[in-house]
Amino acid sequence: MADHTHNDRSDIPVVILCGGEGTRLREVTDRIPKPLVDIGGKPILLHIMEIYSRQGFTNFILCLGYKGIMIKESFLDYEVRSRDMVLDFRQGERRFVGVETPAYKDWRITFAETGGSTQTGGRVARIAPYVSGRRFMLTYGDGLSDIDLHAALDFHESHGRIGTVTGVRPSSQFGVMAVEGDQVRSFSEKPRSPQMVNGGFFIFERAFLDYVVPETDCILEREPLERLSADGQLKVYAHDGYWRCMDTFKDYRELNDGYNAGVTPWLPAPVLQSVAS
């Protein structure tokens, strides 16, 4: 990932869609909202927010819905759950001791209650009052990537349109055969799709807020994005690196199995220390 320094970009709001019910992951989401489902012992929402914060984007707007109070509570109770604490009843005080969590100390998080059954476009419209400045970033609460966000922003700024969507080519769920007649000429186990799909990690100018409405049934991926593309105002940023969506229980298991095996492409590579001879 490239090393960029863009101090003027640090306050760009990062909107994360956190309100869906996650029905295809019902084995877990019956109890908790999908963004709080753990990958390696940490909610996937934190992994996503760290993708942004490691690259300097720390102004978050979370679009809450289904079981949204649990997301609020997870942040309010974060230090209680993660740090040593002294509860002094004699002095009537509570204080935390030991190692702080510097990765989160600069974060600013707006928790927006966008409705329990509101669709994605309606959620975006409802957070419009919290979007400061001329552009914002947007992603889903279940996707991980090693995307270079500054390179995506460079691309967005270069084309001058209202929106940029990240295009990815996920691996096929099945093995693919090249067949002539009844003869198999080649076999590829789960190759990458030749077709691009919406990988999230959007960048929008503020003008995009005119394409969405706060009605419950406004779906981002339908009329708003369809109209934006018909107007010639949507460009695709092709990301050929790692991307994975936690859509089903199978995805959840595979992400956690990979994490336990050290396969975490969305995380920065560890810094290897040289050993003096």
C-alpha atoms as a PDB file:
ATOM      1  CA  MET A   1       0.000   0.000   0.000  1.00  0.00           C
ATOM      2  CA  ALA A   2       1.337   3.382  -0.979  1.00  0.00           C
ATOM      3  CA  ASP A   3       2.425   5.899   1.623  1.00  0.00           C
ATOM      4  CA  HIS A   4       0.384   9.064   1.222  1.00  0.00           C
ATOM      5  CA  THR A   5       0.222  12.212   3.322  1.00  0.00           C
ATOM      6  CA  HIS A   6      -2.980  14.168   2.768  1.00  0.00           C
ATOM      7  CA  ASN A   7      -3.685  16.155   5.911  1.00  0.00           C
ATOM      8  CA  ASP A   8      -6.535  17.996   4.189  1.00  0.00           C
ATOM      9  CA  ARG A   9      -8.383  14.695   3.804  1.00  0.00           C
ATOM     10  CA  SER A  10      -8.408  13.629   7.444  1.00  0.00           C
ATOM     11  CA  ASP A  11     -11.834  15.104   8.243  1.00  0.00           C
ATOM     12  CA  ILE A  12     -13.666  13.491   5.323  1.00  0.00           C
ATOM     13  CA  PRO A  13     -16.652  11.714   6.918  1.00  0.00           C
ATOM     14  CA  VAL A  14     -16.657   7.919   6.637  1.00  0.00           C
ATOM     15  CA  VAL A  15     -20.238   6.631   6.570  1.00  0.00           C
ATOM     16  CA  ILE A  16     -20.689   2.954   7.463  1.00  0.00           C
ATOM     17  CA  LEU A  17     -23.975   1.138   6.891  1.00  0.00           C
ATOM     18  CA  CYS A  18     -24.604  -0.794  10.115  1.00  0.00           C
ATOM     19  CA  GLY A  19     -28.374  -1.185  10.224  1.00  0.00           C
ATOM     20  CA  GLY A  20     -29.322  -4.312   8.282  1.00  0.00           C
ATOM     21  CA  GLU A  21     -30.575  -7.500   9.900  1.00  0.00           C
ATOM     22  CA  GLY A  22     -27.956  -9.777   8.330  1.00  0.00           C
ATOM     23  CA  THR A  23     -30.548 -12.435   7.550  1.00  0.00           C
ATOM     24  CA  ARG A  24     -28.092 -14.690   5.685  1.00  0.00           C
ATOM     25  CA  LEU A  25     -25.998 -14.871   8.859  1.00  0.00           C
ATOM     26  CA  ARG A  26     -28.927 -15.611  11.141  1.00  0.00           C
ATOM     27  CA  GLU A  27     -26.915 -18.195  13.120  1.00  0.00           C
ATOM     28  CA  VAL A  28     -25.169 -15.229  14.759  1.00  0.00           C
ATOM     29  CA  THR A  29     -27.285 -12.147  14.020  1.00  0.00           C
ATOM     30  CA  ASP A  30     -30.300 -13.431  15.949  1.00  0.00           C
ATOM     31  CA  ARG A  31     -28.329 -12.309  19.002  1.00  0.00           C
ATOM     32  CA  ILE A  32     -26.199  -9.372  17.834  1.00  0.00           C
ATOM     33  CA  PRO A  33     -26.096  -6.968  14.896  1.00  0.00           C
ATOM     34  CA  LYS A  34     -23.943  -8.119  12.005  1.00  0.00           C
ATOM     35  CA  PRO A  35     -21.245  -5.406  12.444  1.00  0.00           C
ATOM     36  CA  LEU A  36     -20.522  -6.805  15.925  1.00  0.00           C
ATOM     37  CA  VAL A  37     -19.868 -10.337  14.661  1.00  0.00           C
ATOM     38  CA  ASP A  38     -16.302 -11.213  15.620  1.00  0.00           C
ATOM     39  CA  ILE A  39     -13.397 -11.873  13.303  1.00  0.00           C
ATOM     40  CA  GLY A  40     -10.484 -13.067  15.395  1.00  0.00           C
ATOM     41  CA  GLY A  41     -12.163 -11.968  18.612  1.00  0.00           C
ATOM     42  CA  LYS A  42     -12.872  -8.406  17.432  1.00  0.00           C
ATOM     43  CA  PRO A  43     -16.053  -7.105  15.756  1.00  0.00           C
ATOM     44  CA  ILE A  44     -15.805  -6.817  11.989  1.00  0.00           C
ATOM     45  CA  LEU A  45     -16.927  -3.192  12.394  1.00  0.00           C
ATOM     46  CA  LEU A  46     -13.691  -2.402  14.236  1.00  0.00           C
ATOM     47  CA  HIS A  47     -11.653  -4.112  11.518  1.00  0.00           C
ATOM     48  CA  ILE A  48     -13.407  -1.919   8.918  1.00  0.00           C
ATOM     49  CA  MET A  49     -12.928   1.277  10.919  1.00  0.00           C
ATOM     50  CA  GLU A  50      -9.248   0.445  11.354  1.00  0.00           C
ATOM     51  CA  ILE A  51      -8.847   0.068   7.564  1.00  0.00           C
ATOM     52  CA  TYR A  52      -9.822   3.736   7.393  1.00  0.00           C
ATOM     53  CA  SER A  53      -8.103   4.994  10.531  1.00  0.00           C
ATOM     54  CA  ARG A  54      -4.741   3.446   9.624  1.00  0.00           C
ATOM     55  CA  GLN A  55      -4.863   5.630   6.510  1.00  0.00           C
ATOM     56  CA  GLY A  56      -5.810   8.769   8.435  1.00  0.00           C
ATOM     57  CA  PHE A  57      -9.619   8.782   8.218  1.00  0.00           C
ATOM     58  CA  THR A  58     -11.064   8.953  11.731  1.00  0.00           C
ATOM     59  CA  ASN A  59     -14.361  10.850  11.407  1.00  0.00           C
ATOM     60  CA  PHE A  60     -17.028   8.135  11.372  1.00  0.00           C
ATOM     61  CA  ILE A  61     -20.784   8.190  10.954  1.00  0.00           C
ATOM     62  CA  LEU A  62     -22.457   4.876  11.787  1.00  0.00           C
ATOM     63  CA  CYS A  63     -25.913   4.309  10.271  1.00  0.00           C
ATOM     64  CA  LEU A  64     -27.636   2.279  12.992  1.00  0.00           C
ATOM     65  CA  GLY A  65     -30.782   0.209  12.746  1.00  0.00           C
ATOM     66  CA  TYR A  66     -31.271  -3.403  13.815  1.00  0.00           C
ATOM     67  CA  LYS A  67     -30.051  -3.808  17.435  1.00  0.00           C
ATOM     68  CA  GLY A  68     -28.224  -0.481  17.076  1.00  0.00           C
ATOM     69  CA  ILE A  69     -28.134   0.093  20.828  1.00  0.00           C
ATOM     70  CA  MET A  70     -25.690  -2.805  21.095  1.00  0.00           C
ATOM     71  CA  ILE A  71     -23.268  -1.005  18.778  1.00  0.00           C
ATOM     72  CA  LYS A  72     -23.484   2.125  20.924  1.00  0.00           C
ATOM     73  CA  GLU A  73     -22.921   0.101  24.072  1.00  0.00           C
ATOM     74  CA  SER A  74     -19.939  -1.723  22.581  1.00  0.00           C
ATOM     75  CA  PHE A  75     -18.090   1.585  22.215  1.00  0.00           C
ATOM     76  CA  LEU A  76     -19.278   3.076  25.514  1.00  0.00           C
ATOM     77  CA  ASP A  77     -18.077  -0.045  27.325  1.00  0.00           C
ATOM     78  CA  TYR A  78     -14.922  -0.531  25.278  1.00  0.00           C
ATOM     79  CA  GLU A  79     -12.452   0.539  27.965  1.00  0.00           C
ATOM     80  CA  VAL A  80     -14.345  -1.422  30.633  1.00  0.00           C
ATOM     81  CA  ARG A  81     -13.978  -4.572  28.546  1.00  0.00           C
ATOM     82  CA  SER A  82     -10.432  -4.077  27.308  1.00  0.00           C
ATOM     83  CA  ARG A  83      -8.438  -2.284  30.017  1.00  0.00           C
ATOM     84  CA  ASP A  84      -7.456  -2.795  33.625  1.00  0.00           C
ATOM     85  CA  MET A  85      -9.690  -0.753  35.902  1.00  0.00           C
ATOM     86  CA  VAL A  86      -9.669   0.398  39.517  1.00  0.00           C
ATOM     87  CA  LEU A  87     -13.077   0.966  41.101  1.00  0.00           C
ATOM     88  CA  ASP A  88     -12.484   2.895  44.317  1.00  0.00           C
ATOM     89  CA  PHE A  89     -15.671   3.058  46.376  1.00  0.00           C
ATOM     90  CA  ARG A  90     -13.922   4.988  49.140  1.00  0.00           C
ATOM     91  CA  GLN A  91     -13.010   7.819  46.802  1.00  0.00           C
ATOM     92  CA  GLY A  92     -16.099   7.383  44.645  1.00  0.00           C
ATOM     93  CA  GLU A  93     -14.121   7.085  41.436  1.00  0.00           C
ATOM     94  CA  ARG A  94     -13.369   4.771  38.568  1.00  0.00           C
ATOM     95  CA  ARG A  95     -10.090   4.956  36.715  1.00  0.00           C
ATOM     96  CA  PHE A  96      -8.405   2.957  34.013  1.00  0.00           C
ATOM     97  CA  VAL A  97      -4.805   1.867  34.321  1.00  0.00           C
ATOM     98  CA  GLY A  98      -2.290   0.197  32.091  1.00  0.00           C
ATOM     99  CA  VAL A  99      -1.964   0.393  28.339  1.00  0.00           C
ATOM    100  CA  GLU A 100      -4.252   2.809  26.500  1.00  0.00           C
ATOM    101  CA  THR A 101      -5.728   2.161  23.059  1.00  0.00           C
ATOM    102  CA  PRO A 102      -3.996   4.812  20.926  1.00  0.00           C
ATOM    103  CA  ALA A 103      -5.512   3.482  17.715  1.00  0.00           C
ATOM    104  CA  TYR A 104      -8.923   4.768  18.813  1.00  0.00           C
ATOM    105  CA  LYS A 105      -8.095   7.900  20.794  1.00  0.00           C
ATOM    106  CA  ASP A 106      -8.453  10.226  17.787  1.00  0.00           C
ATOM    107  CA  TRP A 107     -11.697   8.738  16.503  1.00  0.00           C
ATOM    108  CA  ARG A 108     -14.870  10.799  16.306  1.00  0.00           C
ATOM    109  CA  ILE A 109     -17.990   8.654  15.974  1.00  0.00           C
ATOM    110  CA  THR A 110     -21.524   9.830  15.242  1.00  0.00           C
ATOM    111  CA  PHE A 111     -24.142   7.182  15.998  1.00  0.00           C
ATOM    112  CA  ALA A 112     -27.150   7.913  13.768  1.00  0.00           C
ATOM    113  CA  GLU A 113     -30.422   6.086  14.405  1.00  0.00           C
ATOM    114  CA  THR A 114     -31.593   5.619  10.810  1.00  0.00           C
ATOM    115  CA  GLY A 115     -34.485   3.221  11.442  1.00  0.00           C
ATOM    116  CA  GLY A 116     -34.894  -0.455  12.120  1.00  0.00           C
ATOM    117  CA  SER A 117     -36.219  -1.367   8.666  1.00  0.00           C
ATOM    118  CA  THR A 118     -34.825   1.455   6.533  1.00  0.00           C
ATOM    119  CA  GLN A 119     -33.091   0.437   3.317  1.00  0.00           C
ATOM    120  CA  THR A 120     -29.545   1.512   2.468  1.00  0.00           C
ATOM    121  CA  GLY A 121     -30.416   4.611   0.443  1.00  0.00           C
ATOM    122  CA  GLY A 122     -32.781   5.892   3.093  1.00  0.00           C
ATOM    123  CA  ARG A 123     -30.063   5.495   5.705  1.00  0.00           C
ATOM    124  CA  VAL A 124     -27.644   7.589   3.654  1.00  0.00           C
ATOM    125  CA  ALA A 125     -30.265  10.312   3.200  1.00  0.00           C
ATOM    126  CA  ARG A 126     -30.971  10.404   6.933  1.00  0.00           C
ATOM    127  CA  ILE A 127     -27.354  11.109   7.891  1.00  0.00           C
ATOM    128  CA  ALA A 128     -27.089  14.099   5.524  1.00  0.00           C
ATOM    129  CA  PRO A 129     -27.110  16.633   8.426  1.00  0.00           C
ATOM    130  CA  TYR A 130     -23.926  15.025   9.776  1.00  0.00           C
ATOM    131  CA  VAL A 131     -21.989  15.154   6.507  1.00  0.00           C
ATOM    132  CA  SER A 132     -19.708  18.161   6.687  1.00  0.00           C
ATOM    133  CA  GLY A 133     -17.594  19.341   3.784  1.00  0.00           C
ATOM    134  CA  ARG A 134     -17.916  18.662   0.087  1.00  0.00           C
ATOM    135  CA  ARG A 135     -17.448  14.894  -0.037  1.00  0.00           C
ATOM    136  CA  PHE A 136     -17.804  11.769   2.014  1.00  0.00           C
ATOM    137  CA  MET A 137     -16.818   8.112   1.920  1.00  0.00           C
ATOM    138  CA  LEU A 138     -19.248   5.238   2.333  1.00  0.00           C
ATOM    139  CA  THR A 139     -18.958   1.508   2.889  1.00  0.00           C
ATOM    140  CA  TYR A 140     -20.849  -1.493   4.175  1.00  0.00           C
ATOM    141  CA  GLY A 141     -20.506  -2.960   7.654  1.00  0.00           C
ATOM    142  CA  ASP A 142     -19.409  -6.388   6.442  1.00  0.00           C
ATOM    143  CA  GLY A 143     -16.598  -5.931   3.890  1.00  0.00           C
ATOM    144  CA  LEU A 144     -12.830  -6.191   4.366  1.00  0.00           C
ATOM    145  CA  SER A 145     -10.135  -5.111   1.918  1.00  0.00           C
ATOM    146  CA  ASP A 146      -6.528  -4.019   1.584  1.00  0.00           C
ATOM    147  CA  ILE A 147      -7.666  -1.076  -0.546  1.00  0.00           C
ATOM    148  CA  ASP A 148      -5.422   1.990  -0.784  1.00  0.00           C
ATOM    149  CA  LEU A 149      -7.970   4.658   0.110  1.00  0.00           C
ATOM    150  CA  HIS A 150      -5.734   7.562  -0.889  1.00  0.00           C
ATOM    151  CA  ALA A 151      -5.189   6.053  -4.322  1.00  0.00           C
ATOM    152  CA  ALA A 152      -8.965   5.702  -4.641  1.00  0.00           C
ATOM    153  CA  LEU A 153      -9.363   9.348  -3.625  1.00  0.00           C
ATOM    154  CA  ASP A 154      -6.714  10.406  -6.135  1.00  0.00           C
ATOM    155  CA  PHE A 155      -8.725   8.600  -8.810  1.00  0.00           C
ATOM    156  CA  HIS A 156     -11.973  10.185  -7.640  1.00  0.00           C
ATOM    157  CA  GLU A 157     -10.528  13.678  -7.675  1.00  0.00           C
ATOM    158  CA  SER A 158      -9.028  13.145 -11.116  1.00  0.00           C
ATOM    159  CA  HIS A 159     -12.287  12.347 -12.916  1.00  0.00           C
ATOM    160  CA  GLY A 160     -14.467  15.094 -11.459  1.00  0.00           C
ATOM    161  CA  ARG A 161     -17.703  13.089 -11.283  1.00  0.00           C
ATOM    162  CA  ILE A 162     -20.059  12.843  -8.317  1.00  0.00           C
ATOM    163  CA  GLY A 163     -19.329   9.238  -7.371  1.00  0.00           C
ATOM    164  CA  THR A 164     -16.734   6.481  -7.352  1.00  0.00           C
ATOM    165  CA  VAL A 165     -17.512   2.859  -6.574  1.00  0.00           C
ATOM    166  CA  THR A 166     -14.844   0.263  -5.938  1.00  0.00           C
ATOM    167  CA  GLY A 167     -15.067  -2.617  -8.392  1.00  0.00           C
ATOM    168  CA  VAL A 168     -13.761  -6.030  -7.351  1.00  0.00           C
ATOM    169  CA  ARG A 169     -13.619  -9.484  -8.919  1.00  0.00           C
ATOM    170  CA  PRO A 170     -14.486 -12.047  -6.240  1.00  0.00           C
ATOM    171  CA  SER A 171     -13.562 -15.695  -6.506  1.00  0.00           C
ATOM    172  CA  SER A 172     -16.199 -18.022  -7.904  1.00  0.00           C
ATOM    173  CA  GLN A 173     -18.026 -20.170  -5.377  1.00  0.00           C
ATOM    174  CA  PHE A 174     -17.447 -23.213  -7.573  1.00  0.00           C
ATOM    175  CA  GLY A 175     -14.746 -24.715  -9.745  1.00  0.00           C
ATOM    176  CA  VAL A 176     -15.014 -23.732 -13.416  1.00  0.00           C
ATOM    177  CA  MET A 177     -14.560 -26.072 -16.394  1.00  0.00           C
ATOM    178  CA  ALA A 178     -13.607 -25.185 -19.972  1.00  0.00           C
ATOM    179  CA  VAL A 179     -15.522 -27.730 -22.090  1.00  0.00           C
ATOM    180  CA  GLU A 180     -15.476 -28.656 -25.790  1.00  0.00           C
ATOM    181  CA  GLY A 181     -18.303 -31.027 -26.604  1.00  0.00           C
ATOM    182  CA  ASP A 182     -18.144 -33.532 -23.786  1.00  0.00           C
ATOM    183  CA  GLN A 183     -14.385 -33.092 -23.255  1.00  0.00           C
ATOM    184  CA  VAL A 184     -13.079 -31.078 -20.286  1.00  0.00           C
ATOM    185  CA  ARG A 185     -10.119 -29.070 -21.569  1.00  0.00           C
ATOM    186  CA  SER A 186      -9.227 -27.369 -18.306  1.00  0.00           C
ATOM    187  CA  PHE A 187     -10.405 -27.057 -14.747  1.00  0.00           C
ATOM    188  CA  SER A 188      -9.922 -24.078 -12.435  1.00  0.00           C
ATOM    189  CA  GLU A 189     -10.761 -24.288  -8.750  1.00  0.00           C
ATOM    190  CA  LYS A 190     -12.730 -21.171  -7.739  1.00  0.00           C
ATOM    191  CA  PRO A 191     -11.167 -18.707 -10.210  1.00  0.00           C
ATOM    192  CA  ARG A 192     -11.741 -14.965  -9.929  1.00  0.00           C
ATOM    193  CA  SER A 193     -14.812 -13.756 -11.750  1.00  0.00           C
ATOM    194  CA  PRO A 194     -14.215 -11.899 -15.032  1.00  0.00           C
ATOM    195  CA  GLN A 195     -17.089  -9.603 -14.042  1.00  0.00           C
ATOM    196  CA  MET A 196     -16.697  -6.723 -11.590  1.00  0.00           C
ATOM    197  CA  VAL A 197     -19.073  -6.421  -8.665  1.00  0.00           C
ATOM    198  CA  ASN A 198     -19.775  -3.596  -6.248  1.00  0.00           C
ATOM    199  CA  GLY A 199     -17.148  -3.850  -3.528  1.00  0.00           C
ATOM    200  CA  GLY A 200     -18.382  -0.875  -1.498  1.00  0.00           C
ATOM    201  CA  PHE A 201     -15.713   1.632  -0.436  1.00  0.00           C
ATOM    202  CA  PHE A 202     -17.534   4.446  -2.236  1.00  0.00           C
ATOM    203  CA  ILE A 203     -16.479   8.076  -2.511  1.00  0.00           C
ATOM    204  CA  PHE A 204     -19.180  10.674  -3.155  1.00  0.00           C
ATOM    205  CA  GLU A 205     -19.387  14.385  -3.618  1.00  0.00           C
ATOM    206  CA  ARG A 206     -22.017  15.997  -1.429  1.00  0.00           C
ATOM    207  CA  ALA A 207     -24.228  16.357  -4.513  1.00  0.00           C
ATOM    208  CA  PHE A 208     -24.981  12.637  -4.263  1.00  0.00           C
ATOM    209  CA  LEU A 209     -27.257  13.388  -1.321  1.00  0.00           C
ATOM    210  CA  ASP A 210     -29.714  14.803  -3.882  1.00  0.00           C
ATOM    211  CA  TYR A 211     -30.019  11.292  -5.351  1.00  0.00           C
ATOM    212  CA  VAL A 212     -31.247   9.648  -2.135  1.00  0.00           C
ATOM    213  CA  VAL A 213     -34.407  10.227  -0.134  1.00  0.00           C
ATOM    214  CA  PRO A 214     -35.097   9.469   3.545  1.00  0.00           C
ATOM    215  CA  GLU A 215     -37.980   7.111   2.782  1.00  0.00           C
ATOM    216  CA  THR A 216     -37.712   3.636   4.287  1.00  0.00           C
ATOM    217  CA  ASP A 217     -37.808   1.859   0.919  1.00  0.00           C
ATOM    218  CA  CYS A 218     -35.004   3.830  -0.797  1.00  0.00           C
ATOM    219  CA  ILE A 219     -32.354   1.260  -1.780  1.00  0.00           C
ATOM    220  CA  LEU A 220     -28.919   2.734  -2.518  1.00  0.00           C
ATOM    221  CA  GLU A 221     -28.015   0.118  -5.109  1.00  0.00           C
ATOM    222  CA  ARG A 222     -31.167   0.625  -7.162  1.00  0.00           C
ATOM    223  CA  GLU A 223     -32.645   3.992  -8.172  1.00  0.00           C
ATOM    224  CA  PRO A 224     -29.932   6.274  -6.671  1.00  0.00           C
ATOM    225  CA  LEU A 225     -26.920   4.479  -8.159  1.00  0.00           C
ATOM    226  CA  GLU A 226     -28.780   3.568 -11.343  1.00  0.00           C
ATOM    227  CA  ARG A 227     -29.681   7.234 -11.888  1.00  0.00           C
ATOM    228  CA  LEU A 228     -26.184   8.395 -10.985  1.00  0.00           C
ATOM    229  CA  SER A 229     -24.684   6.033 -13.573  1.00  0.00           C
ATOM    230  CA  ALA A 230     -27.311   7.017 -16.175  1.00  0.00           C
ATOM    231  CA  ASP A 231     -26.292  10.649 -15.625  1.00  0.00           C
ATOM    232  CA  GLY A 232     -22.669   9.731 -16.365  1.00  0.00           C
ATOM    233  CA  GLN A 233     -21.675  10.645 -12.812  1.00  0.00           C
ATOM    234  CA  LEU A 234     -20.366   7.293 -11.511  1.00  0.00           C
ATOM    235  CA  LYS A 235     -16.864   5.959 -12.146  1.00  0.00           C
ATOM    236  CA  VAL A 236     -15.367   2.661 -11.031  1.00  0.00           C
ATOM    237  CA  TYR A 237     -12.078   2.335  -9.186  1.00  0.00           C
ATOM    238  CA  ALA A 238     -10.754  -1.151  -9.969  1.00  0.00           C
ATOM    239  CA  HIS A 239      -9.267  -2.880  -6.935  1.00  0.00           C
ATOM    240  CA  ASP A 240      -7.344  -6.033  -7.814  1.00  0.00           C
ATOM    241  CA  GLY A 241      -6.144  -6.756  -4.283  1.00  0.00           C
ATOM    242  CA  TYR A 242      -7.853  -8.484  -1.391  1.00  0.00           C
ATOM    243  CA  TRP A 243     -11.593  -8.104  -0.838  1.00  0.00           C
ATOM    244  CA  ARG A 244     -13.978 -10.274   1.118  1.00  0.00           C
ATOM    245  CA  CYS A 245     -17.561  -9.837   2.244  1.00  0.00           C
ATOM    246  CA  MET A 246     -18.925 -11.585   5.332  1.00  0.00           C
ATOM    247  CA  ASP A 247     -22.334 -12.365   3.860  1.00  0.00           C
ATOM    248  CA  THR A 248     -23.070 -15.880   5.114  1.00  0.00           C
ATOM    249  CA  PHE A 249     -22.142 -18.185   7.977  1.00  0.00           C
ATOM    250  CA  LYS A 250     -19.710 -19.899   5.607  1.00  0.00           C
ATOM    251  CA  ASP A 251     -17.954 -16.547   5.039  1.00  0.00           C
ATOM    252  CA  TYR A 252     -17.849 -16.005   8.807  1.00  0.00           C
ATOM    253  CA  ARG A 253     -16.226 -19.388   9.378  1.00  0.00           C
ATOM    254  CA  GLU A 254     -13.719 -18.955   6.558  1.00  0.00           C
ATOM    255  CA  LEU A 255     -12.700 -15.460   7.718  1.00  0.00           C
ATOM    256  CA  ASN A 256     -12.138 -16.714  11.252  1.00  0.00           C
ATOM    257  CA  ASP A 257     -10.292 -19.823  10.070  1.00  0.00           C
ATOM    258  CA  GLY A 258      -8.083 -17.560   7.965  1.00  0.00           C
ATOM    259  CA  TYR A 259      -7.507 -15.199  10.863  1.00  0.00           C
ATOM    260  CA  ASN A 260      -6.480 -18.077  13.125  1.00  0.00           C
ATOM    261  CA  ALA A 261      -4.069 -19.267  10.423  1.00  0.00           C
ATOM    262  CA  GLY A 262      -2.585 -15.784  10.059  1.00  0.00           C
ATOM    263  CA  VAL A 263      -4.272 -15.065   6.716  1.00  0.00           C
ATOM    264  CA  THR A 264      -5.353 -11.454   7.249  1.00  0.00           C
ATOM    265  CA  PRO A 265      -4.607  -9.486   4.059  1.00  0.00           C
ATOM    266  CA  TRP A 266      -6.606  -6.459   5.229  1.00  0.00           C
ATOM    267  CA  LEU A 267      -4.241  -5.984   8.175  1.00  0.00           C
ATOM    268  CA  PRO A 268      -0.846  -4.288   7.796  1.00  0.00           C
ATOM    269  CA  ALA A 269       2.077  -6.657   7.474  1.00  0.00           C
ATOM    270  CA  PRO A 270       3.989  -7.076  10.738  1.00  0.00           C
ATOM    271  CA  VAL A 271       7.258  -5.198  11.024  1.00  0.00           C
ATOM    272  CA  LEU A 272      10.069  -7.729  11.173  1.00  0.00           C
ATOM    273  CA  GLN A 273      12.831  -6.921  13.595  1.00  0.00           C
ATOM    274  CA  SER A 274      16.352  -7.680  12.467  1.00  0.00           C
ATOM    275  CA  VAL A 275      18.502  -9.665  14.858  1.00  0.00           C
ATOM    276  CA  ALA A 276      22.079  -8.499  15.262  1.00  0.00           C
ATOM    277  CA  SER A 277      24.578 -11.288  14.737  1.00  0.00           C
END
